[in-house]
Amino acid sequence: MSEQLVNCLCENQGQVQKVAPFLFKTEQKSLQKPGQLVKEFIQNSKQEIKEEKQRLMQEYSGDNID
């Protein structure tokens, strides 16, 4: 770093302060296994599709009676 800040209004003029990288570390707080959320979504979607098919079959069979 060959550049110097000339017009610094702070107390530490000419000094560089290093920020520790551990301050930016993120932790996963969820206790779910990887992919669990996706698995649950797929299961819920399958259940909803099954229920929708049943509803449509009942609706179709009810309309088809002459």
PDB file of N, CA and C in Angstrom:
ATOM      1  N   MET A   1       0.842  -1.175   0.000  1.00  0.00           N
ATOM      2  CA  MET A   1       0.000   0.000   0.000  1.00  0.00           C
ATOM      3  C   MET A   1       0.882   1.232   0.000  1.00  0.00           C
ATOM      4  N   SER A   2       0.954   1.847  -1.115  1.00  0.00           N
ATOM      5  CA  SER A   2       1.817   3.019  -1.228  1.00  0.00           C
ATOM      6  C   SER A   2       1.041   4.323  -1.097  1.00  0.00           C
ATOM      7  N   GLU A   3      -0.268   4.252  -1.025  1.00  0.00           N
ATOM      8  CA  GLU A   3      -1.071   5.465  -0.913  1.00  0.00           C
ATOM      9  C   GLU A   3      -1.177   5.916   0.535  1.00  0.00           C
ATOM     10  N   GLN A   4      -1.203   7.210   0.740  1.00  0.00           N
ATOM     11  CA  GLN A   4      -1.380   7.759   2.071  1.00  0.00           C
ATOM     12  C   GLN A   4      -2.561   8.713   2.056  1.00  0.00           C
ATOM     13  N   LEU A   5      -3.337   8.669   3.106  1.00  0.00           N
ATOM     14  CA  LEU A   5      -4.468   9.572   3.246  1.00  0.00           C
ATOM     15  C   LEU A   5      -3.942  10.900   3.777  1.00  0.00           C
ATOM     16  N   VAL A   6      -4.146  11.943   3.029  1.00  0.00           N
ATOM     17  CA  VAL A   6      -3.582  13.238   3.376  1.00  0.00           C
ATOM     18  C   VAL A   6      -4.531  14.029   4.278  1.00  0.00           C
ATOM     19  N   ASN A   7      -5.795  14.067   3.963  1.00  0.00           N
ATOM     20  CA  ASN A   7      -6.744  14.892   4.694  1.00  0.00           C
ATOM     21  C   ASN A   7      -7.589  14.034   5.633  1.00  0.00           C
ATOM     22  N   CYS A   8      -6.996  13.526   6.655  1.00  0.00           N
ATOM     23  CA  CYS A   8      -7.707  12.702   7.625  1.00  0.00           C
ATOM     24  C   CYS A   8      -8.101  13.561   8.821  1.00  0.00           C
ATOM     25  N   LEU A   9      -9.374  13.466   9.214  1.00  0.00           N
ATOM     26  CA  LEU A   9      -9.859  14.260  10.336  1.00  0.00           C
ATOM     27  C   LEU A   9      -9.896  13.451  11.633  1.00  0.00           C
ATOM     28  N   CYS A  10      -9.364  12.255  11.605  1.00  0.00           N
ATOM     29  CA  CYS A  10      -9.422  11.412  12.799  1.00  0.00           C
ATOM     30  C   CYS A  10      -8.134  11.530  13.618  1.00  0.00           C
ATOM     31  N   GLU A  11      -8.142  10.930  14.798  1.00  0.00           N
ATOM     32  CA  GLU A  11      -6.992  11.006  15.700  1.00  0.00           C
ATOM     33  C   GLU A  11      -5.817  10.162  15.201  1.00  0.00           C
ATOM     34  N   ASN A  12      -6.106   9.077  14.512  1.00  0.00           N
ATOM     35  CA  ASN A  12      -5.064   8.125  14.110  1.00  0.00           C
ATOM     36  C   ASN A  12      -4.591   8.388  12.681  1.00  0.00           C
ATOM     37  N   GLN A  13      -4.244   9.585  12.382  1.00  0.00           N
ATOM     38  CA  GLN A  13      -3.825   9.949  11.036  1.00  0.00           C
ATOM     39  C   GLN A  13      -2.570   9.168  10.659  1.00  0.00           C
ATOM     40  N   GLY A  14      -2.612   8.532   9.486  1.00  0.00           N
ATOM     41  CA  GLY A  14      -1.452   7.788   9.006  1.00  0.00           C
ATOM     42  C   GLY A  14      -1.388   6.361   9.514  1.00  0.00           C
ATOM     43  N   GLN A  15      -2.333   5.924  10.309  1.00  0.00           N
ATOM     44  CA  GLN A  15      -2.328   4.563  10.838  1.00  0.00           C
ATOM     45  C   GLN A  15      -3.465   3.752  10.215  1.00  0.00           C
ATOM     46  N   VAL A  16      -3.185   2.471  10.046  1.00  0.00           N
ATOM     47  CA  VAL A  16      -4.191   1.564   9.513  1.00  0.00           C
ATOM     48  C   VAL A  16      -4.623   0.644  10.641  1.00  0.00           C
ATOM     49  N   GLN A  17      -5.897   0.475  10.788  1.00  0.00           N
ATOM     50  CA  GLN A  17      -6.415  -0.374  11.846  1.00  0.00           C
ATOM     51  C   GLN A  17      -7.009  -1.631  11.221  1.00  0.00           C
ATOM     52  N   LYS A  18      -6.573  -2.779  11.698  1.00  0.00           N
ATOM     53  CA  LYS A  18      -7.035  -4.054  11.159  1.00  0.00           C
ATOM     54  C   LYS A  18      -8.282  -4.500  11.923  1.00  0.00           C
ATOM     55  N   VAL A  19      -9.292  -4.933  11.174  1.00  0.00           N
ATOM     56  CA  VAL A  19     -10.521  -5.445  11.771  1.00  0.00           C
ATOM     57  C   VAL A  19     -10.428  -6.957  11.765  1.00  0.00           C
ATOM     58  N   ALA A  20     -10.657  -7.553  12.914  1.00  0.00           N
ATOM     59  CA  ALA A  20     -10.551  -9.007  13.031  1.00  0.00           C
ATOM     60  C   ALA A  20     -11.634  -9.685  12.188  1.00  0.00           C
ATOM     61  N   PRO A  21     -11.291 -10.733  11.442  1.00  0.00           N
ATOM     62  CA  PRO A  21     -12.271 -11.387  10.577  1.00  0.00           C
ATOM     63  C   PRO A  21     -13.352 -12.154  11.340  1.00  0.00           C
ATOM     64  N   PHE A  22     -13.117 -12.520  12.576  1.00  0.00           N
ATOM     65  CA  PHE A  22     -14.110 -13.277  13.333  1.00  0.00           C
ATOM     66  C   PHE A  22     -15.348 -12.452  13.659  1.00  0.00           C
ATOM     67  N   LEU A  23     -15.282 -11.161  13.506  1.00  0.00           N
ATOM     68  CA  LEU A  23     -16.445 -10.323  13.751  1.00  0.00           C
ATOM     69  C   LEU A  23     -17.524 -10.516  12.690  1.00  0.00           C
ATOM     70  N   PHE A  24     -17.126 -10.976  11.527  1.00  0.00           N
ATOM     71  CA  PHE A  24     -18.049 -11.132  10.417  1.00  0.00           C
ATOM     72  C   PHE A  24     -18.483 -12.577  10.215  1.00  0.00           C
ATOM     73  N   LYS A  25     -18.060 -13.456  11.063  1.00  0.00           N
ATOM     74  CA  LYS A  25     -18.391 -14.867  10.931  1.00  0.00           C
ATOM     75  C   LYS A  25     -19.865 -15.074  11.285  1.00  0.00           C
ATOM     76  N   THR A  26     -20.549 -15.837  10.448  1.00  0.00           N
ATOM     77  CA  THR A  26     -21.946 -16.139  10.709  1.00  0.00           C
ATOM     78  C   THR A  26     -22.057 -17.600  11.105  1.00  0.00           C
ATOM     79  N   GLU A  27     -22.968 -17.864  11.984  1.00  0.00           N
ATOM     80  CA  GLU A  27     -23.186 -19.230  12.442  1.00  0.00           C
ATOM     81  C   GLU A  27     -24.591 -19.656  12.072  1.00  0.00           C
ATOM     82  N   GLN A  28     -24.701 -20.924  11.728  1.00  0.00           N
ATOM     83  CA  GLN A  28     -26.013 -21.459  11.422  1.00  0.00           C
ATOM     84  C   GLN A  28     -26.667 -21.850  12.738  1.00  0.00           C
ATOM     85  N   LYS A  29     -27.770 -21.215  13.054  1.00  0.00           N
ATOM     86  CA  LYS A  29     -28.425 -21.454  14.329  1.00  0.00           C
ATOM     87  C   LYS A  29     -29.497 -22.525  14.227  1.00  0.00           C
ATOM     88  N   SER A  30     -29.793 -22.936  13.020  1.00  0.00           N
ATOM     89  CA  SER A  30     -30.814 -23.946  12.817  1.00  0.00           C
ATOM     90  C   SER A  30     -30.240 -25.325  13.110  1.00  0.00           C
ATOM     91  N   LEU A  31     -31.027 -26.155  13.745  1.00  0.00           N
ATOM     92  CA  LEU A  31     -30.581 -27.509  14.057  1.00  0.00           C
ATOM     93  C   LEU A  31     -31.054 -28.509  13.006  1.00  0.00           C
ATOM     94  N   GLN A  32     -31.651 -28.012  11.929  1.00  0.00           N
ATOM     95  CA  GLN A  32     -32.112 -28.886  10.872  1.00  0.00           C
ATOM     96  C   GLN A  32     -30.927 -29.403  10.056  1.00  0.00           C
ATOM     97  N   LYS A  33     -31.100 -30.601   9.531  1.00  0.00           N
ATOM     98  CA  LYS A  33     -30.080 -31.165   8.665  1.00  0.00           C
ATOM     99  C   LYS A  33     -30.115 -30.428   7.333  1.00  0.00           C
ATOM    100  N   PRO A  34     -29.001 -30.433   6.616  1.00  0.00           N
ATOM    101  CA  PRO A  34     -29.002 -29.784   5.306  1.00  0.00           C
ATOM    102  C   PRO A  34     -30.048 -30.426   4.391  1.00  0.00           C
ATOM    103  N   GLY A  35     -30.797 -29.614   3.704  1.00  0.00           N
ATOM    104  CA  GLY A  35     -31.810 -30.108   2.790  1.00  0.00           C
ATOM    105  C   GLY A  35     -33.142 -30.429   3.435  1.00  0.00           C
ATOM    106  N   GLN A  36     -33.251 -30.309   4.736  1.00  0.00           N
ATOM    107  CA  GLN A  36     -34.491 -30.653   5.441  1.00  0.00           C
ATOM    108  C   GLN A  36     -35.630 -29.727   5.026  1.00  0.00           C
ATOM    109  N   LEU A  37     -35.350 -28.466   4.865  1.00  0.00           N
ATOM    110  CA  LEU A  37     -36.371 -27.500   4.470  1.00  0.00           C
ATOM    111  C   LEU A  37     -36.916 -27.842   3.084  1.00  0.00           C
ATOM    112  N   VAL A  38     -36.037 -28.199   2.162  1.00  0.00           N
ATOM    113  CA  VAL A  38     -36.455 -28.563   0.815  1.00  0.00           C
ATOM    114  C   VAL A  38     -37.277 -29.840   0.848  1.00  0.00           C
ATOM    115  N   LYS A  39     -36.844 -30.804   1.642  1.00  0.00           N
ATOM    116  CA  LYS A  39     -37.562 -32.072   1.762  1.00  0.00           C
ATOM    117  C   LYS A  39     -38.985 -31.844   2.291  1.00  0.00           C
ATOM    118  N   GLU A  40     -39.114 -30.997   3.298  1.00  0.00           N
ATOM    119  CA  GLU A  40     -40.427 -30.686   3.855  1.00  0.00           C
ATOM    120  C   GLU A  40     -41.305 -29.982   2.817  1.00  0.00           C
ATOM    121  N   PHE A  41     -40.720 -29.072   2.051  1.00  0.00           N
ATOM    122  CA  PHE A  41     -41.472 -28.378   1.016  1.00  0.00           C
ATOM    123  C   PHE A  41     -41.993 -29.356  -0.031  1.00  0.00           C
ATOM    124  N   ILE A  42     -41.153 -30.288  -0.449  1.00  0.00           N
ATOM    125  CA  ILE A  42     -41.558 -31.279  -1.442  1.00  0.00           C
ATOM    126  C   ILE A  42     -42.674 -32.154  -0.900  1.00  0.00           C
ATOM    127  N   GLN A  43     -42.554 -32.594   0.346  1.00  0.00           N
ATOM    128  CA  GLN A  43     -43.596 -33.424   0.945  1.00  0.00           C
ATOM    129  C   GLN A  43     -44.918 -32.665   1.043  1.00  0.00           C
ATOM    130  N   ASN A  44     -44.860 -31.417   1.466  1.00  0.00           N
ATOM    131  CA  ASN A  44     -46.076 -30.597   1.565  1.00  0.00           C
ATOM    132  C   ASN A  44     -46.703 -30.380   0.194  1.00  0.00           C
ATOM    133  N   SER A  45     -45.868 -30.141  -0.814  1.00  0.00           N
ATOM    134  CA  SER A  45     -46.377 -29.932  -2.165  1.00  0.00           C
ATOM    135  C   SER A  45     -47.053 -31.192  -2.691  1.00  0.00           C
ATOM    136  N   LYS A  46     -46.448 -32.353  -2.455  1.00  0.00           N
ATOM    137  CA  LYS A  46     -47.053 -33.616  -2.889  1.00  0.00           C
ATOM    138  C   LYS A  46     -48.405 -33.820  -2.220  1.00  0.00           C
ATOM    139  N   GLN A  47     -48.492 -33.504  -0.936  1.00  0.00           N
ATOM    140  CA  GLN A  47     -49.745 -33.666  -0.203  1.00  0.00           C
ATOM    141  C   GLN A  47     -50.813 -32.726  -0.766  1.00  0.00           C
ATOM    142  N   GLU A  48     -50.439 -31.504  -1.034  1.00  0.00           N
ATOM    143  CA  GLU A  48     -51.384 -30.537  -1.596  1.00  0.00           C
ATOM    144  C   GLU A  48     -51.873 -30.979  -2.973  1.00  0.00           C
ATOM    145  N   ILE A  49     -50.986 -31.512  -3.790  1.00  0.00           N
ATOM    146  CA  ILE A  49     -51.365 -31.990  -5.123  1.00  0.00           C
ATOM    147  C   ILE A  49     -52.324 -33.166  -5.004  1.00  0.00           C
ATOM    148  N   LYS A  50     -52.033 -34.068  -4.078  1.00  0.00           N
ATOM    149  CA  LYS A  50     -52.901 -35.222  -3.861  1.00  0.00           C
ATOM    150  C   LYS A  50     -54.307 -34.769  -3.444  1.00  0.00           C
ATOM    151  N   GLU A  51     -54.379 -33.825  -2.520  1.00  0.00           N
ATOM    152  CA  GLU A  51     -55.670 -33.306  -2.064  1.00  0.00           C
ATOM    153  C   GLU A  51     -56.407 -32.590  -3.199  1.00  0.00           C
ATOM    154  N   GLU A  52     -55.672 -31.844  -4.012  1.00  0.00           N
ATOM    155  CA  GLU A  52     -56.286 -31.137  -5.141  1.00  0.00           C
ATOM    156  C   GLU A  52     -56.827 -32.137  -6.164  1.00  0.00           C
ATOM    157  N   LYS A  53     -56.091 -33.212  -6.423  1.00  0.00           N
ATOM    158  CA  LYS A  53     -56.565 -34.248  -7.347  1.00  0.00           C
ATOM    159  C   LYS A  53     -57.850 -34.877  -6.836  1.00  0.00           C
ATOM    160  N   GLN A  54     -57.880 -35.168  -5.538  1.00  0.00           N
ATOM    161  CA  GLN A  54     -59.086 -35.766  -4.959  1.00  0.00           C
ATOM    162  C   GLN A  54     -60.271 -34.814  -5.072  1.00  0.00           C
ATOM    163  N   ARG A  55     -60.046 -33.558  -4.806  1.00  0.00           N
ATOM    164  CA  ARG A  55     -61.114 -32.566  -4.892  1.00  0.00           C
ATOM    165  C   ARG A  55     -61.624 -32.461  -6.321  1.00  0.00           C
ATOM    166  N   LEU A  56     -60.720 -32.437  -7.294  1.00  0.00           N
ATOM    167  CA  LEU A  56     -61.117 -32.339  -8.692  1.00  0.00           C
ATOM    168  C   LEU A  56     -61.853 -33.590  -9.161  1.00  0.00           C
ATOM    169  N   MET A  57     -61.415 -34.768  -8.682  1.00  0.00           N
ATOM    170  CA  MET A  57     -62.096 -36.015  -9.039  1.00  0.00           C
ATOM    171  C   MET A  57     -63.523 -36.015  -8.506  1.00  0.00           C
ATOM    172  N   GLN A  58     -63.710 -35.540  -7.276  1.00  0.00           N
ATOM    173  CA  GLN A  58     -65.050 -35.474  -6.692  1.00  0.00           C
ATOM    174  C   GLN A  58     -65.901 -34.456  -7.456  1.00  0.00           C
ATOM    175  N   GLU A  59     -65.286 -33.341  -7.801  1.00  0.00           N
ATOM    176  CA  GLU A  59     -65.996 -32.306  -8.543  1.00  0.00           C
ATOM    177  C   GLU A  59     -66.394 -32.818  -9.924  1.00  0.00           C
ATOM    178  N   TYR A  60     -65.510 -33.528 -10.585  1.00  0.00           N
ATOM    179  CA  TYR A  60     -65.775 -34.066 -11.916  1.00  0.00           C
ATOM    180  C   TYR A  60     -66.848 -35.123 -11.889  1.00  0.00           C
ATOM    181  N   SER A  61     -66.756 -36.036 -10.912  1.00  0.00           N
ATOM    182  CA  SER A  61     -67.746 -37.107 -10.817  1.00  0.00           C
ATOM    183  C   SER A  61     -69.126 -36.564 -10.425  1.00  0.00           C
ATOM    184  N   GLY A  62     -69.176 -35.504  -9.701  1.00  0.00           N
ATOM    185  CA  GLY A  62     -70.439 -34.877  -9.330  1.00  0.00           C
ATOM    186  C   GLY A  62     -71.074 -34.155 -10.486  1.00  0.00           C
ATOM    187  N   ASP A  63     -70.281 -33.539 -11.373  1.00  0.00           N
ATOM    188  CA  ASP A  63     -70.795 -32.821 -12.536  1.00  0.00           C
ATOM    189  C   ASP A  63     -71.210 -33.773 -13.651  1.00  0.00           C
ATOM    190  N   ASN A  64     -70.655 -34.963 -13.670  1.00  0.00           N
ATOM    191  CA  ASN A  64     -70.854 -35.900 -14.777  1.00  0.00           C
ATOM    192  C   ASN A  64     -72.132 -36.730 -14.623  1.00  0.00           C
ATOM    193  N   ILE A  65     -72.831 -36.608 -13.516  1.00  0.00           N
ATOM    194  CA  ILE A  65     -74.055 -37.385 -13.282  1.00  0.00           C
ATOM    195  C   ILE A  65     -75.192 -36.740 -14.066  1.00  0.00           C
ATOM    196  N   ASP A  66     -75.789 -37.510 -15.003  1.00  0.00           N
ATOM    197  CA  ASP A  66     -76.934 -37.005 -15.791  1.00  0.00           C
ATOM    198  C   ASP A  66     -78.178 -37.729 -15.477  1.00  0.00           C
TER     199      ASP A  66
END
